[in-house]
Amino acid sequence: MIRYIALALVICVACRWLLGKWPWEYLSTRSSSERALDNARRLLDVPRNASAEEIRLAHRRIATIIHPDKGGSAAALQEVNAARDLLLARLEHTRTERSE
């Protein structure tokens, strides 16, 4: 019995080390919109509770670095713009829900 517990512990630690998540984190499902919001926050490097001004400043900072005139790609700039638009739309959506 102790062998099985030790084996399960080793497998859990190996999963965390190799894949970056604990095994039970794979059991929880998130919607595609939550994943898109997380990716947008990660791309702009803003916290979950970022204000509209913080989102705009992060977008401006990243856009100046990856702008095509500065040697970046148009696709990367388009992705950053989409992330900004998604986060700002979500922020407006939550604001209107609170005021109702």
PDB file of N, CA and C in Angstrom:
ATOM      1  N   MET A   1       0.826  -1.189   0.000  1.00  0.00           N
ATOM      2  CA  MET A   1       0.000   0.000   0.000  1.00  0.00           C
ATOM      3  C   MET A   1       0.871   1.253   0.000  1.00  0.00           C
ATOM      4  N   ILE A   2       1.920   1.238   0.805  1.00  0.00           N
ATOM      5  CA  ILE A   2       2.805   2.397   0.871  1.00  0.00           C
ATOM      6  C   ILE A   2       3.521   2.592  -0.453  1.00  0.00           C
ATOM      7  N   ARG A   3       3.807   1.500  -1.148  1.00  0.00           N
ATOM      8  CA  ARG A   3       4.451   1.604  -2.458  1.00  0.00           C
ATOM      9  C   ARG A   3       3.563   2.363  -3.439  1.00  0.00           C
ATOM     10  N   TYR A   4       2.263   2.088  -3.420  1.00  0.00           N
ATOM     11  CA  TYR A   4       1.339   2.749  -4.335  1.00  0.00           C
ATOM     12  C   TYR A   4       1.225   4.248  -4.029  1.00  0.00           C
ATOM     13  N   ILE A   5       1.226   4.570  -2.751  1.00  0.00           N
ATOM     14  CA  ILE A   5       1.176   5.976  -2.357  1.00  0.00           C
ATOM     15  C   ILE A   5       2.462   6.676  -2.776  1.00  0.00           C
ATOM     16  N   ALA A   6       3.591   6.047  -2.561  1.00  0.00           N
ATOM     17  CA  ALA A   6       4.871   6.630  -2.968  1.00  0.00           C
ATOM     18  C   ALA A   6       4.939   6.773  -4.487  1.00  0.00           C
ATOM     19  N   LEU A   7       4.449   5.780  -5.206  1.00  0.00           N
ATOM     20  CA  LEU A   7       4.432   5.846  -6.671  1.00  0.00           C
ATOM     21  C   LEU A   7       3.534   6.977  -7.165  1.00  0.00           C
ATOM     22  N   ALA A   8       2.374   7.124  -6.540  1.00  0.00           N
ATOM     23  CA  ALA A   8       1.459   8.207  -6.911  1.00  0.00           C
ATOM     24  C   ALA A   8       2.094   9.564  -6.638  1.00  0.00           C
ATOM     25  N   LEU A   9       2.800   9.687  -5.530  1.00  0.00           N
ATOM     26  CA  LEU A   9       3.481  10.929  -5.198  1.00  0.00           C
ATOM     27  C   LEU A   9       4.580  11.250  -6.211  1.00  0.00           C
ATOM     28  N   VAL A  10       5.343  10.262  -6.588  1.00  0.00           N
ATOM     29  CA  VAL A  10       6.404  10.451  -7.579  1.00  0.00           C
ATOM     30  C   VAL A  10       5.810  10.857  -8.927  1.00  0.00           C
ATOM     31  N   ILE A  11       4.718  10.229  -9.319  1.00  0.00           N
ATOM     32  CA  ILE A  11       4.070  10.571 -10.584  1.00  0.00           C
ATOM     33  C   ILE A  11       3.535  12.006 -10.549  1.00  0.00           C
ATOM     34  N   CYS A  12       2.960  12.407  -9.435  1.00  0.00           N
ATOM     35  CA  CYS A  12       2.453  13.782  -9.306  1.00  0.00           C
ATOM     36  C   CYS A  12       3.581  14.792  -9.415  1.00  0.00           C
ATOM     37  N   VAL A  13       4.666  14.557  -8.729  1.00  0.00           N
ATOM     38  CA  VAL A  13       5.806  15.477  -8.776  1.00  0.00           C
ATOM     39  C   VAL A  13       6.416  15.492 -10.174  1.00  0.00           C
ATOM     40  N   ALA A  14       6.512  14.341 -10.823  1.00  0.00           N
ATOM     41  CA  ALA A  14       7.056  14.286 -12.176  1.00  0.00           C
ATOM     42  C   ALA A  14       6.158  15.050 -13.154  1.00  0.00           C
ATOM     43  N   CYS A  15       4.863  14.924 -12.996  1.00  0.00           N
ATOM     44  CA  CYS A  15       3.929  15.650 -13.846  1.00  0.00           C
ATOM     45  C   CYS A  15       4.099  17.161 -13.658  1.00  0.00           C
ATOM     46  N   ARG A  16       4.225  17.587 -12.426  1.00  0.00           N
ATOM     47  CA  ARG A  16       4.415  19.012 -12.140  1.00  0.00           C
ATOM     48  C   ARG A  16       5.728  19.503 -12.725  1.00  0.00           C
ATOM     49  N   TRP A  17       6.769  18.721 -12.590  1.00  0.00           N
ATOM     50  CA  TRP A  17       8.097  19.117 -13.056  1.00  0.00           C
ATOM     51  C   TRP A  17       8.168  19.132 -14.578  1.00  0.00           C
ATOM     52  N   LEU A  18       7.598  18.127 -15.219  1.00  0.00           N
ATOM     53  CA  LEU A  18       7.701  18.016 -16.676  1.00  0.00           C
ATOM     54  C   LEU A  18       6.679  18.869 -17.420  1.00  0.00           C
ATOM     55  N   LEU A  19       5.461  18.920 -16.929  1.00  0.00           N
ATOM     56  CA  LEU A  19       4.386  19.585 -17.662  1.00  0.00           C
ATOM     57  C   LEU A  19       3.984  20.936 -17.081  1.00  0.00           C
ATOM     58  N   GLY A  20       4.422  21.234 -15.870  1.00  0.00           N
ATOM     59  CA  GLY A  20       4.131  22.540 -15.279  1.00  0.00           C
ATOM     60  C   GLY A  20       2.833  22.619 -14.511  1.00  0.00           C
ATOM     61  N   LYS A  21       2.087  21.535 -14.443  1.00  0.00           N
ATOM     62  CA  LYS A  21       0.831  21.538 -13.706  1.00  0.00           C
ATOM     63  C   LYS A  21       0.734  20.268 -12.877  1.00  0.00           C
ATOM     64  N   TRP A  22      -0.010  20.370 -11.784  1.00  0.00           N
ATOM     65  CA  TRP A  22      -0.309  19.191 -11.003  1.00  0.00           C
ATOM     66  C   TRP A  22      -1.362  18.391 -11.751  1.00  0.00           C
ATOM     67  N   PRO A  23      -1.412  17.080 -11.557  1.00  0.00           N
ATOM     68  CA  PRO A  23      -2.377  16.255 -12.301  1.00  0.00           C
ATOM     69  C   PRO A  23      -3.827  16.678 -12.094  1.00  0.00           C
ATOM     70  N   TRP A  24      -4.202  17.093 -10.909  1.00  0.00           N
ATOM     71  CA  TRP A  24      -5.587  17.465 -10.649  1.00  0.00           C
ATOM     72  C   TRP A  24      -5.953  18.790 -11.305  1.00  0.00           C
ATOM     73  N   GLU A  25      -4.962  19.580 -11.727  1.00  0.00           N
ATOM     74  CA  GLU A  25      -5.273  20.815 -12.451  1.00  0.00           C
ATOM     75  C   GLU A  25      -5.801  20.519 -13.847  1.00  0.00           C
ATOM     76  N   TYR A  26      -5.500  19.362 -14.385  1.00  0.00           N
ATOM     77  CA  TYR A  26      -6.021  18.969 -15.689  1.00  0.00           C
ATOM     78  C   TYR A  26      -7.487  18.562 -15.610  1.00  0.00           C
ATOM     79  N   LEU A  27      -7.974  18.262 -14.434  1.00  0.00           N
ATOM     80  CA  LEU A  27      -9.369  17.852 -14.282  1.00  0.00           C
ATOM     81  C   LEU A  27     -10.326  19.036 -14.311  1.00  0.00           C
ATOM     82  N   SER A  28      -9.862  20.204 -13.894  1.00  0.00           N
ATOM     83  CA  SER A  28     -10.729  21.372 -13.901  1.00  0.00           C
ATOM     84  C   SER A  28     -10.795  21.934 -15.319  1.00  0.00           C
ATOM     85  N   THR A  29     -11.996  22.200 -15.762  1.00  0.00           N
ATOM     86  CA  THR A  29     -12.175  22.728 -17.113  1.00  0.00           C
ATOM     87  C   THR A  29     -12.496  24.212 -17.036  1.00  0.00           C
ATOM     88  N   ARG A  30     -11.877  24.942 -17.933  1.00  0.00           N
ATOM     89  CA  ARG A  30     -12.162  26.371 -18.040  1.00  0.00           C
ATOM     90  C   ARG A  30     -12.755  26.629 -19.411  1.00  0.00           C
ATOM     91  N   SER A  31     -13.587  27.621 -19.481  1.00  0.00           N
ATOM     92  CA  SER A  31     -14.203  27.930 -20.763  1.00  0.00           C
ATOM     93  C   SER A  31     -13.174  28.557 -21.695  1.00  0.00           C
ATOM     94  N   SER A  32     -13.487  28.573 -22.957  1.00  0.00           N
ATOM     95  CA  SER A  32     -12.557  29.144 -23.935  1.00  0.00           C
ATOM     96  C   SER A  32     -12.400  30.637 -23.734  1.00  0.00           C
ATOM     97  N   SER A  33     -13.447  31.316 -23.262  1.00  0.00           N
ATOM     98  CA  SER A  33     -13.326  32.757 -23.024  1.00  0.00           C
ATOM     99  C   SER A  33     -12.382  33.044 -21.854  1.00  0.00           C
ATOM    100  N   GLU A  34     -12.408  32.204 -20.815  1.00  0.00           N
ATOM    101  CA  GLU A  34     -11.482  32.377 -19.699  1.00  0.00           C
ATOM    102  C   GLU A  34     -10.046  32.135 -20.139  1.00  0.00           C
ATOM    103  N   ARG A  35      -9.842  31.123 -20.995  1.00  0.00           N
ATOM    104  CA  ARG A  35      -8.500  30.866 -21.514  1.00  0.00           C
ATOM    105  C   ARG A  35      -8.022  32.023 -22.383  1.00  0.00           C
ATOM    106  N   ALA A  36      -8.920  32.594 -23.194  1.00  0.00           N
ATOM    107  CA  ALA A  36      -8.559  33.726 -24.042  1.00  0.00           C
ATOM    108  C   ALA A  36      -8.191  34.943 -23.198  1.00  0.00           C
ATOM    109  N   LEU A  37      -8.926  35.170 -22.129  1.00  0.00           N
ATOM    110  CA  LEU A  37      -8.608  36.290 -21.238  1.00  0.00           C
ATOM    111  C   LEU A  37      -7.261  36.082 -20.553  1.00  0.00           C
ATOM    112  N   ASP A  38      -6.997  34.859 -20.114  1.00  0.00           N
ATOM    113  CA  ASP A  38      -5.707  34.567 -19.486  1.00  0.00           C
ATOM    114  C   ASP A  38      -4.553  34.760 -20.468  1.00  0.00           C
ATOM    115  N   ASN A  39      -4.746  34.313 -21.705  1.00  0.00           N
ATOM    116  CA  ASN A  39      -3.701  34.504 -22.716  1.00  0.00           C
ATOM    117  C   ASN A  39      -3.475  35.975 -23.008  1.00  0.00           C
ATOM    118  N   ALA A  40      -4.559  36.753 -23.054  1.00  0.00           N
ATOM    119  CA  ALA A  40      -4.433  38.190 -23.304  1.00  0.00           C
ATOM    120  C   ALA A  40      -3.695  38.873 -22.148  1.00  0.00           C
ATOM    121  N   ARG A  41      -4.034  38.489 -20.919  1.00  0.00           N
ATOM    122  CA  ARG A  41      -3.338  39.076 -19.760  1.00  0.00           C
ATOM    123  C   ARG A  41      -1.856  38.703 -19.764  1.00  0.00           C
ATOM    124  N   ARG A  42      -1.565  37.463 -20.133  1.00  0.00           N
ATOM    125  CA  ARG A  42      -0.179  37.015 -20.178  1.00  0.00           C
ATOM    126  C   ARG A  42       0.581  37.749 -21.283  1.00  0.00           C
ATOM    127  N   LEU A  43      -0.059  37.964 -22.418  1.00  0.00           N
ATOM    128  CA  LEU A  43       0.582  38.639 -23.537  1.00  0.00           C
ATOM    129  C   LEU A  43       0.905  40.093 -23.200  1.00  0.00           C
ATOM    130  N   LEU A  44      -0.035  40.763 -22.534  1.00  0.00           N
ATOM    131  CA  LEU A  44       0.188  42.158 -22.161  1.00  0.00           C
ATOM    132  C   LEU A  44       0.889  42.302 -20.817  1.00  0.00           C
ATOM    133  N   ASP A  45       1.033  41.207 -20.091  1.00  0.00           N
ATOM    134  CA  ASP A  45       1.700  41.197 -18.792  1.00  0.00           C
ATOM    135  C   ASP A  45       1.005  42.146 -17.811  1.00  0.00           C
ATOM    136  N   VAL A  46      -0.303  41.972 -17.683  1.00  0.00           N
ATOM    137  CA  VAL A  46      -1.086  42.763 -16.734  1.00  0.00           C
ATOM    138  C   VAL A  46      -1.740  41.816 -15.735  1.00  0.00           C
ATOM    139  N   PRO A  47      -1.999  42.284 -14.522  1.00  0.00           N
ATOM    140  CA  PRO A  47      -2.648  41.426 -13.528  1.00  0.00           C
ATOM    141  C   PRO A  47      -4.130  41.233 -13.839  1.00  0.00           C
ATOM    142  N   ARG A  48      -4.730  40.325 -13.136  1.00  0.00           N
ATOM    143  CA  ARG A  48      -6.141  39.990 -13.349  1.00  0.00           C
ATOM    144  C   ARG A  48      -7.056  41.182 -13.078  1.00  0.00           C
ATOM    145  N   ASN A  49      -6.704  42.025 -12.141  1.00  0.00           N
ATOM    146  CA  ASN A  49      -7.540  43.163 -11.765  1.00  0.00           C
ATOM    147  C   ASN A  49      -7.005  44.481 -12.346  1.00  0.00           C
ATOM    148  N   ALA A  50      -6.418  44.433 -13.514  1.00  0.00           N
ATOM    149  CA  ALA A  50      -5.834  45.631 -14.133  1.00  0.00           C
ATOM    150  C   ALA A  50      -6.936  46.596 -14.568  1.00  0.00           C
ATOM    151  N   SER A  51      -6.636  47.879 -14.414  1.00  0.00           N
ATOM    152  CA  SER A  51      -7.581  48.899 -14.843  1.00  0.00           C
ATOM    153  C   SER A  51      -7.413  49.154 -16.340  1.00  0.00           C
ATOM    154  N   ALA A  52      -8.325  49.945 -16.894  1.00  0.00           N
ATOM    155  CA  ALA A  52      -8.256  50.259 -18.323  1.00  0.00           C
ATOM    156  C   ALA A  52      -6.969  51.027 -18.635  1.00  0.00           C
ATOM    157  N   GLU A  53      -6.572  51.896 -17.751  1.00  0.00           N
ATOM    158  CA  GLU A  53      -5.343  52.666 -17.969  1.00  0.00           C
ATOM    159  C   GLU A  53      -4.111  51.760 -17.959  1.00  0.00           C
ATOM    160  N   GLU A  54      -4.072  50.798 -17.041  1.00  0.00           N
ATOM    161  CA  GLU A  54      -2.948  49.858 -17.007  1.00  0.00           C
ATOM    162  C   GLU A  54      -2.889  49.011 -18.276  1.00  0.00           C
ATOM    163  N   ILE A  55      -4.044  48.618 -18.770  1.00  0.00           N
ATOM    164  CA  ILE A  55      -4.096  47.824 -20.001  1.00  0.00           C
ATOM    165  C   ILE A  55      -3.582  48.649 -21.173  1.00  0.00           C
ATOM    166  N   ARG A  56      -4.026  49.895 -21.256  1.00  0.00           N
ATOM    167  CA  ARG A  56      -3.575  50.762 -22.354  1.00  0.00           C
ATOM    168  C   ARG A  56      -2.074  51.038 -22.283  1.00  0.00           C
ATOM    169  N   LEU A  57      -1.570  51.266 -21.092  1.00  0.00           N
ATOM    170  CA  LEU A  57      -0.130  51.518 -20.947  1.00  0.00           C
ATOM    171  C   LEU A  57       0.693  50.288 -21.313  1.00  0.00           C
ATOM    172  N   ALA A  58       0.231  49.117 -20.897  1.00  0.00           N
ATOM    173  CA  ALA A  58       0.947  47.878 -21.239  1.00  0.00           C
ATOM    174  C   ALA A  58       0.909  47.654 -22.745  1.00  0.00           C
ATOM    175  N   HIS A  59      -0.233  47.920 -23.357  1.00  0.00           N
ATOM    176  CA  HIS A  59      -0.338  47.775 -24.814  1.00  0.00           C
ATOM    177  C   HIS A  59       0.610  48.730 -25.520  1.00  0.00           C
ATOM    178  N   ARG A  60       0.642  49.967 -25.093  1.00  0.00           N
ATOM    179  CA  ARG A  60       1.516  50.961 -25.719  1.00  0.00           C
ATOM    180  C   ARG A  60       2.985  50.570 -25.577  1.00  0.00           C
ATOM    181  N   ARG A  61       3.348  50.068 -24.413  1.00  0.00           N
ATOM    182  CA  ARG A  61       4.730  49.662 -24.171  1.00  0.00           C
ATOM    183  C   ARG A  61       5.135  48.512 -25.094  1.00  0.00           C
ATOM    184  N   ILE A  62       4.275  47.519 -25.212  1.00  0.00           N
ATOM    185  CA  ILE A  62       4.600  46.365 -26.041  1.00  0.00           C
ATOM    186  C   ILE A  62       4.514  46.713 -27.525  1.00  0.00           C
ATOM    187  N   ALA A  63       3.524  47.535 -27.895  1.00  0.00           N
ATOM    188  CA  ALA A  63       3.357  47.892 -29.304  1.00  0.00           C
ATOM    189  C   ALA A  63       4.546  48.690 -29.831  1.00  0.00           C
ATOM    190  N   THR A  64       5.149  49.514 -28.993  1.00  0.00           N
ATOM    191  CA  THR A  64       6.321  50.268 -29.462  1.00  0.00           C
ATOM    192  C   THR A  64       7.509  49.344 -29.705  1.00  0.00           C
ATOM    193  N   ILE A  65       7.558  48.242 -28.995  1.00  0.00           N
ATOM    194  CA  ILE A  65       8.663  47.297 -29.175  1.00  0.00           C
ATOM    195  C   ILE A  65       8.469  46.452 -30.422  1.00  0.00           C
ATOM    196  N   ILE A  66       7.243  45.978 -30.664  1.00  0.00           N
ATOM    197  CA  ILE A  66       7.025  45.026 -31.757  1.00  0.00           C
ATOM    198  C   ILE A  66       6.411  45.663 -32.997  1.00  0.00           C
ATOM    199  N   HIS A  67       6.359  46.957 -33.065  1.00  0.00           N
ATOM    200  CA  HIS A  67       5.776  47.626 -34.228  1.00  0.00           C
ATOM    201  C   HIS A  67       6.573  47.280 -35.492  1.00  0.00           C
ATOM    202  N   PRO A  68       5.897  47.096 -36.631  1.00  0.00           N
ATOM    203  CA  PRO A  68       6.605  46.745 -37.869  1.00  0.00           C
ATOM    204  C   PRO A  68       7.646  47.778 -38.304  1.00  0.00           C
ATOM    205  N   ASP A  69       7.438  49.034 -37.983  1.00  0.00           N
ATOM    206  CA  ASP A  69       8.429  50.055 -38.323  1.00  0.00           C
ATOM    207  C   ASP A  69       9.710  49.905 -37.512  1.00  0.00           C
ATOM    208  N   LYS A  70       9.619  49.208 -36.398  1.00  0.00           N
ATOM    209  CA  LYS A  70      10.790  48.999 -35.546  1.00  0.00           C
ATOM    210  C   LYS A  70      11.383  47.605 -35.724  1.00  0.00           C
ATOM    211  N   GLY A  71      10.938  46.890 -36.745  1.00  0.00           N
ATOM    212  CA  GLY A  71      11.488  45.566 -37.000  1.00  0.00           C
ATOM    213  C   GLY A  71      10.619  44.422 -36.535  1.00  0.00           C
ATOM    214  N   GLY A  72       9.449  44.716 -35.975  1.00  0.00           N
ATOM    215  CA  GLY A  72       8.538  43.660 -35.537  1.00  0.00           C
ATOM    216  C   GLY A  72       7.671  43.188 -36.687  1.00  0.00           C
ATOM    217  N   SER A  73       6.718  42.355 -36.372  1.00  0.00           N
ATOM    218  CA  SER A  73       5.837  41.847 -37.421  1.00  0.00           C
ATOM    219  C   SER A  73       4.428  42.403 -37.244  1.00  0.00           C
ATOM    220  N   ALA A  74       3.721  42.486 -38.349  1.00  0.00           N
ATOM    221  CA  ALA A  74       2.346  42.981 -38.311  1.00  0.00           C
ATOM    222  C   ALA A  74       1.441  41.983 -37.586  1.00  0.00           C
ATOM    223  N   ALA A  75       1.728  40.706 -37.708  1.00  0.00           N
ATOM    224  CA  ALA A  75       0.921  39.685 -37.037  1.00  0.00           C
ATOM    225  C   ALA A  75       1.032  39.807 -35.513  1.00  0.00           C
ATOM    226  N   ALA A  76       2.232  40.058 -35.025  1.00  0.00           N
ATOM    227  CA  ALA A  76       2.423  40.215 -33.580  1.00  0.00           C
ATOM    228  C   ALA A  76       1.696  41.457 -33.076  1.00  0.00           C
ATOM    229  N   LEU A  77       1.751  42.527 -33.847  1.00  0.00           N
ATOM    230  CA  LEU A  77       1.053  43.749 -33.455  1.00  0.00           C
ATOM    231  C   LEU A  77      -0.450  43.525 -33.467  1.00  0.00           C
ATOM    232  N   GLN A  78      -0.940  42.787 -34.439  1.00  0.00           N
ATOM    233  CA  GLN A  78      -2.361  42.483 -34.508  1.00  0.00           C
ATOM    234  C   GLN A  78      -2.794  41.653 -33.297  1.00  0.00           C
ATOM    235  N   GLU A  79      -1.959  40.734 -32.871  1.00  0.00           N
ATOM    236  CA  GLU A  79      -2.272  39.907 -31.703  1.00  0.00           C
ATOM    237  C   GLU A  79      -2.319  40.741 -30.427  1.00  0.00           C
ATOM    238  N   VAL A  80      -1.398  41.686 -30.299  1.00  0.00           N
ATOM    239  CA  VAL A  80      -1.384  42.564 -29.122  1.00  0.00           C
ATOM    240  C   VAL A  80      -2.606  43.475 -29.141  1.00  0.00           C
ATOM    241  N   ASN A  81      -2.966  43.975 -30.316  1.00  0.00           N
ATOM    242  CA  ASN A  81      -4.161  44.816 -30.422  1.00  0.00           C
ATOM    243  C   ASN A  81      -5.420  44.034 -30.052  1.00  0.00           C
ATOM    244  N   ALA A  82      -5.508  42.793 -30.499  1.00  0.00           N
ATOM    245  CA  ALA A  82      -6.664  41.953 -30.168  1.00  0.00           C
ATOM    246  C   ALA A  82      -6.723  41.677 -28.673  1.00  0.00           C
ATOM    247  N   ALA A  83      -5.572  41.467 -28.042  1.00  0.00           N
ATOM    248  CA  ALA A  83      -5.536  41.233 -26.593  1.00  0.00           C
ATOM    249  C   ALA A  83      -6.025  42.469 -25.847  1.00  0.00           C
ATOM    250  N   ARG A  84      -5.573  43.633 -26.272  1.00  0.00           N
ATOM    251  CA  ARG A  84      -6.023  44.880 -25.638  1.00  0.00           C
ATOM    252  C   ARG A  84      -7.528  45.050 -25.800  1.00  0.00           C
ATOM    253  N   ASP A  85      -8.031  44.840 -27.014  1.00  0.00           N
ATOM    254  CA  ASP A  85      -9.460  45.009 -27.261  1.00  0.00           C
ATOM    255  C   ASP A  85     -10.290  44.031 -26.435  1.00  0.00           C
ATOM    256  N   LEU A  86      -9.826  42.804 -26.323  1.00  0.00           N
ATOM    257  CA  LEU A  86     -10.541  41.796 -25.547  1.00  0.00           C
ATOM    258  C   LEU A  86     -10.604  42.179 -24.068  1.00  0.00           C
ATOM    259  N   LEU A  87      -9.484  42.602 -23.517  1.00  0.00           N
ATOM    260  CA  LEU A  87      -9.457  42.965 -22.092  1.00  0.00           C
ATOM    261  C   LEU A  87     -10.289  44.210 -21.812  1.00  0.00           C
ATOM    262  N   LEU A  88     -10.221  45.197 -22.695  1.00  0.00           N
ATOM    263  CA  LEU A  88     -11.014  46.412 -22.486  1.00  0.00           C
ATOM    264  C   LEU A  88     -12.503  46.126 -22.642  1.00  0.00           C
ATOM    265  N   ALA A  89     -12.873  45.262 -23.587  1.00  0.00           N
ATOM    266  CA  ALA A  89     -14.284  44.904 -23.750  1.00  0.00           C
ATOM    267  C   ALA A  89     -14.792  44.159 -22.527  1.00  0.00           C
ATOM    268  N   ARG A  90     -13.973  43.273 -21.988  1.00  0.00           N
ATOM    269  CA  ARG A  90     -14.359  42.527 -20.786  1.00  0.00           C
ATOM    270  C   ARG A  90     -14.500  43.471 -19.591  1.00  0.00           C
ATOM    271  N   LEU A  91     -13.633  44.450 -19.511  1.00  0.00           N
ATOM    272  CA  LEU A  91     -13.694  45.430 -18.426  1.00  0.00           C
ATOM    273  C   LEU A  91     -14.983  46.248 -18.529  1.00  0.00           C
ATOM    274  N   GLU A  92     -15.343  46.671 -19.727  1.00  0.00           N
ATOM    275  CA  GLU A  92     -16.591  47.410 -19.932  1.00  0.00           C
ATOM    276  C   GLU A  92     -17.795  46.541 -19.620  1.00  0.00           C
ATOM    277  N   HIS A  93     -17.723  45.273 -19.992  1.00  0.00           N
ATOM    278  CA  HIS A  93     -18.823  44.335 -19.741  1.00  0.00           C
ATOM    279  C   HIS A  93     -19.057  44.170 -18.246  1.00  0.00           C
ATOM    280  N   THR A  94     -17.998  44.035 -17.485  1.00  0.00           N
ATOM    281  CA  THR A  94     -18.152  43.866 -16.035  1.00  0.00           C
ATOM    282  C   THR A  94     -18.629  45.155 -15.389  1.00  0.00           C
ATOM    283  N   ARG A  95     -18.218  46.296 -15.930  1.00  0.00           N
ATOM    284  CA  ARG A  95     -18.691  47.578 -15.394  1.00  0.00           C
ATOM    285  C   ARG A  95     -20.184  47.731 -15.584  1.00  0.00           C
ATOM    286  N   THR A  96     -20.692  47.382 -16.766  1.00  0.00           N
ATOM    287  CA  THR A  96     -22.125  47.522 -17.026  1.00  0.00           C
ATOM    288  C   THR A  96     -22.926  46.517 -16.203  1.00  0.00           C
ATOM    289  N   GLU A  97     -22.372  45.349 -15.931  1.00  0.00           N
ATOM    290  CA  GLU A  97     -23.076  44.388 -15.079  1.00  0.00           C
ATOM    291  C   GLU A  97     -23.205  44.900 -13.648  1.00  0.00           C
ATOM    292  N   ARG A  98     -22.183  45.565 -13.175  1.00  0.00           N
ATOM    293  CA  ARG A  98     -22.218  46.093 -11.797  1.00  0.00           C
ATOM    294  C   ARG A  98     -23.204  47.236 -11.666  1.00  0.00           C
ATOM    295  N   SER A  99     -23.328  48.083 -12.689  1.00  0.00           N
ATOM    296  CA  SER A  99     -24.196  49.254 -12.593  1.00  0.00           C
ATOM    297  C   SER A  99     -25.667  48.909 -12.725  1.00  0.00           C
ATOM    298  N   GLU A 100     -25.982  47.726 -13.264  1.00  0.00           N
ATOM    299  CA  GLU A 100     -27.394  47.357 -13.446  1.00  0.00           C
ATOM    300  C   GLU A 100     -28.025  46.882 -12.203  1.00  0.00           C
TER     301      GLU A 100
END
